[in-house]
C-alpha atoms as a PDB file:
ATOM      1  CA  UNK A   1     -38.374 118.491 -56.322  1.00  0.00           C
ATOM      2  CA  UNK A   2     -39.868 121.901 -56.744  1.00  0.00           C
ATOM      3  CA  UNK A   3     -43.544 122.594 -56.164  1.00  0.00           C
ATOM      4  CA  UNK A   4     -44.195 122.318 -60.155  1.00  0.00           C
ATOM      5  CA  UNK A   5     -42.298 119.319 -61.022  1.00  0.00           C
ATOM      6  CA  UNK A   6     -44.380 116.157 -60.814  1.00  0.00           C
ATOM      7  CA  UNK A   7     -43.260 112.704 -58.978  1.00  0.00           C
ATOM      8  CA  UNK A   8     -42.726 110.170 -61.440  1.00  0.00           C
ATOM      9  CA  UNK A   9     -44.810 108.106 -59.095  1.00  0.00           C
ATOM     10  CA  UNK A  10     -47.656 109.865 -59.498  1.00  0.00           C
ATOM     11  CA  UNK A  11     -47.318 109.945 -63.274  1.00  0.00           C
ATOM     12  CA  UNK A  12     -47.298 107.089 -63.858  1.00  0.00           C
ATOM     13  CA  UNK A  13     -49.962 106.338 -61.176  1.00  0.00           C
ATOM     14  CA  UNK A  14     -52.370 108.430 -63.216  1.00  0.00           C
ATOM     15  CA  UNK A  15     -51.431 106.539 -66.619  1.00  0.00           C
ATOM     16  CA  UNK A  16     -52.544 103.731 -65.051  1.00  0.00           C
ATOM     17  CA  UNK A  17     -55.933 105.007 -64.056  1.00  0.00           C
ATOM     18  CA  UNK A  18     -56.348 106.761 -67.229  1.00  0.00           C
ATOM     19  CA  UNK A  19     -55.221 103.359 -69.103  1.00  0.00           C
ATOM     20  CA  UNK A  20     -57.188 101.135 -67.247  1.00  0.00           C
ATOM     21  CA  UNK A  21     -60.406 103.532 -67.052  1.00  0.00           C
ATOM     22  CA  UNK A  22     -60.517 103.588 -71.089  1.00  0.00           C
ATOM     23  CA  UNK A  23     -59.354 100.166 -72.081  1.00  0.00           C
ATOM     24  CA  UNK A  24     -62.228  98.824 -69.444  1.00  0.00           C
ATOM     25  CA  UNK A  25     -64.727 101.310 -70.603  1.00  0.00           C
ATOM     26  CA  UNK A  26     -64.105 100.590 -74.195  1.00  0.00           C
ATOM     27  CA  UNK A  27     -64.194  96.529 -73.515  1.00  0.00           C
ATOM     28  CA  UNK A  28     -67.471  96.404 -71.506  1.00  0.00           C
ATOM     29  CA  UNK A  29     -69.368  99.197 -73.828  1.00  0.00           C
ATOM     30  CA  UNK A  30     -70.717  96.344 -75.448  1.00  0.00           C
ATOM     31  CA  UNK A  31     -72.961  95.668 -72.675  1.00  0.00           C
ATOM     32  CA  UNK A  32     -74.445  99.005 -72.249  1.00  0.00           C
ATOM     33  CA  UNK A  33     -75.386  98.712 -76.330  1.00  0.00           C
ATOM     34  CA  UNK A  34     -76.821  95.316 -75.284  1.00  0.00           C
ATOM     35  CA  UNK A  35     -78.899  96.738 -71.855  1.00  0.00           C
ATOM     36  CA  UNK A  36     -77.533  94.049 -69.909  1.00  0.00           C
ATOM     37  CA  UNK A  37     -78.030  94.614 -66.071  1.00  0.00           C
ATOM     38  CA  UNK A  38     -75.348  96.622 -64.389  1.00  0.00           C
ATOM     39  CA  UNK A  39     -73.717  97.862 -67.440  1.00  0.00           C
ATOM     40  CA  UNK A  40     -74.241 101.060 -66.870  1.00  0.00           C
ATOM     41  CA  UNK A  41     -72.610 101.038 -63.277  1.00  0.00           C
ATOM     42  CA  UNK A  42     -69.853  99.058 -64.301  1.00  0.00           C
ATOM     43  CA  UNK A  43     -69.144 102.030 -66.932  1.00  0.00           C
ATOM     44  CA  UNK A  44     -69.754 104.603 -64.224  1.00  0.00           C
ATOM     45  CA  UNK A  45     -66.724 103.332 -62.068  1.00  0.00           C
ATOM     46  CA  UNK A  46     -64.772 103.253 -65.122  1.00  0.00           C
ATOM     47  CA  UNK A  47     -65.273 106.893 -66.041  1.00  0.00           C
ATOM     48  CA  UNK A  48     -64.296 107.260 -62.130  1.00  0.00           C
ATOM     49  CA  UNK A  49     -61.042 105.967 -62.440  1.00  0.00           C
ATOM     50  CA  UNK A  50     -59.830 108.020 -65.874  1.00  0.00           C
ATOM     51  CA  UNK A  51     -61.473 110.655 -64.051  1.00  0.00           C
ATOM     52  CA  UNK A  52     -58.875 109.961 -60.872  1.00  0.00           C
ATOM     53  CA  UNK A  53     -56.131 109.808 -63.469  1.00  0.00           C
ATOM     54  CA  UNK A  54     -56.495 112.661 -65.458  1.00  0.00           C
ATOM     55  CA  UNK A  55     -56.958 114.823 -63.108  1.00  0.00           C
ATOM     56  CA  UNK A  56     -54.057 113.672 -60.796  1.00  0.00           C
ATOM     57  CA  UNK A  57     -52.055 114.531 -63.532  1.00  0.00           C
ATOM     58  CA  UNK A  58     -53.488 117.967 -63.188  1.00  0.00           C
ATOM     59  CA  UNK A  59     -52.530 118.341 -59.489  1.00  0.00           C
ATOM     60  CA  UNK A  60     -56.021 118.107 -57.994  1.00  0.00           C
ATOM     61  CA  UNK A  61     -55.916 116.288 -54.436  1.00  0.00           C
ATOM     62  CA  UNK A  62     -59.476 115.035 -54.801  1.00  0.00           C
ATOM     63  CA  UNK A  63     -58.352 113.050 -57.528  1.00  0.00           C
ATOM     64  CA  UNK A  64     -55.920 111.437 -55.601  1.00  0.00           C
ATOM     65  CA  UNK A  65     -58.493 110.335 -53.092  1.00  0.00           C
ATOM     66  CA  UNK A  66     -60.684 109.430 -55.748  1.00  0.00           C
ATOM     67  CA  UNK A  67     -58.241 106.996 -56.846  1.00  0.00           C
ATOM     68  CA  UNK A  68     -57.396 105.164 -53.601  1.00  0.00           C
ATOM     69  CA  UNK A  69     -61.238 105.038 -52.936  1.00  0.00           C
ATOM     70  CA  UNK A  70     -61.663 103.493 -56.625  1.00  0.00           C
ATOM     71  CA  UNK A  71     -59.056 101.305 -55.558  1.00  0.00           C
ATOM     72  CA  UNK A  72     -60.362 100.632 -52.279  1.00  0.00           C
ATOM     73  CA  UNK A  73     -64.033  99.702 -53.671  1.00  0.00           C
ATOM     74  CA  UNK A  74     -62.139  97.362 -56.503  1.00  0.00           C
ATOM     75  CA  UNK A  75     -60.094  95.512 -53.182  1.00  0.00           C
ATOM     76  CA  UNK A  76     -63.887  95.995 -51.156  1.00  0.00           C
ATOM     77  CA  UNK A  77     -65.925  94.077 -53.871  1.00  0.00           C
ATOM     78  CA  UNK A  78     -63.385  90.981 -53.903  1.00  0.00           C
ATOM     79  CA  UNK A  79     -64.700  90.106 -50.407  1.00  0.00           C
ATOM     80  CA  UNK A  80     -67.606  88.353 -51.827  1.00  0.00           C
ATOM     81  CA  UNK A  81     -66.938  84.475 -52.011  1.00  0.00           C
ATOM     82  CA  UNK A  82     -65.645  82.897 -53.601  1.00  0.00           C
ATOM     83  CA  UNK A  83     -62.525  85.755 -52.912  1.00  0.00           C
ATOM     84  CA  UNK A  84     -61.196  85.987 -56.799  1.00  0.00           C
ATOM     85  CA  UNK A  85     -58.681  88.203 -56.687  1.00  0.00           C
ATOM     86  CA  UNK A  86     -58.202  89.514 -53.414  1.00  0.00           C
ATOM     87  CA  UNK A  87     -54.888  88.958 -53.075  1.00  0.00           C
ATOM     88  CA  UNK A  88     -53.732  90.821 -56.323  1.00  0.00           C
ATOM     89  CA  UNK A  89     -56.317  93.915 -55.407  1.00  0.00           C
ATOM     90  CA  UNK A  90     -55.088  93.798 -51.951  1.00  0.00           C
ATOM     91  CA  UNK A  91     -50.988  94.116 -53.549  1.00  0.00           C
ATOM     92  CA  UNK A  92     -52.421  96.827 -55.812  1.00  0.00           C
ATOM     93  CA  UNK A  93     -53.903  98.625 -53.818  1.00  0.00           C
ATOM     94  CA  UNK A  94     -51.415  98.868 -51.209  1.00  0.00           C
ATOM     95  CA  UNK A  95     -49.216  99.739 -53.941  1.00  0.00           C
ATOM     96  CA  UNK A  96     -51.432 102.633 -55.138  1.00  0.00           C
ATOM     97  CA  UNK A  97     -51.968 103.578 -51.358  1.00  0.00           C
ATOM     98  CA  UNK A  98     -48.470 104.033 -50.582  1.00  0.00           C
ATOM     99  CA  UNK A  99     -47.281 105.824 -54.342  1.00  0.00           C
ATOM    100  CA  UNK A 100     -50.196 108.043 -53.384  1.00  0.00           C
ATOM    101  CA  UNK A 101     -49.605 108.703 -49.799  1.00  0.00           C
ATOM    102  CA  UNK A 102     -45.756 109.531 -49.645  1.00  0.00           C
ATOM    103  CA  UNK A 103     -44.271 112.822 -48.649  1.00  0.00           C
ATOM    104  CA  UNK A 104     -43.406 113.800 -52.560  1.00  0.00           C
ATOM    105  CA  UNK A 105     -46.680 112.940 -53.490  1.00  0.00           C
ATOM    106  CA  UNK A 106     -47.957 114.949 -50.684  1.00  0.00           C
ATOM    107  CA  UNK A 107     -46.496 118.205 -51.217  1.00  0.00           C
ATOM    108  CA  UNK A 108     -47.036 118.135 -55.034  1.00  0.00           C
ATOM    109  CA  UNK A 109     -50.444 117.932 -54.635  1.00  0.00           C
ATOM    110  CA  UNK A 110     -50.275 120.401 -52.004  1.00  0.00           C
ATOM    111  CA  UNK A 111     -47.703 122.884 -54.724  1.00  0.00           C
ATOM    112  CA  UNK A 112     -46.113 122.961 -51.789  1.00  0.00           C
ATOM    113  CA  UNK A 113     -41.685 122.933 -52.083  1.00  0.00           C
ATOM    114  CA  UNK A 114     -39.354 121.737 -49.293  1.00  0.00           C
ATOM    115  CA  UNK A 115     -36.144 123.952 -49.347  1.00  0.00           C
END
């Protein structure tokens, strides 16, 4: 891998964050229009995920950490009883963490190449 090539794992994760951010934003937007409690916070969280995806494609290391924080936040909110989705969120978080913290991902975000 050269320093200019993006690992496919980063491309896939970034586009998933972009897709989830856009779809969830559109899905939850009627709540903003109806001034529902918490709707603005939900939309802000979705925009954060979208931002992480976009800037991971632009090789911004902070976006990788933002994506991990976003996924961790979703895992943490499932810890509130009755624990709906805890196992699924745990598996998703672990998968994202593995993909974003791999050596090839670190090299990509650092912009360095190994020979």
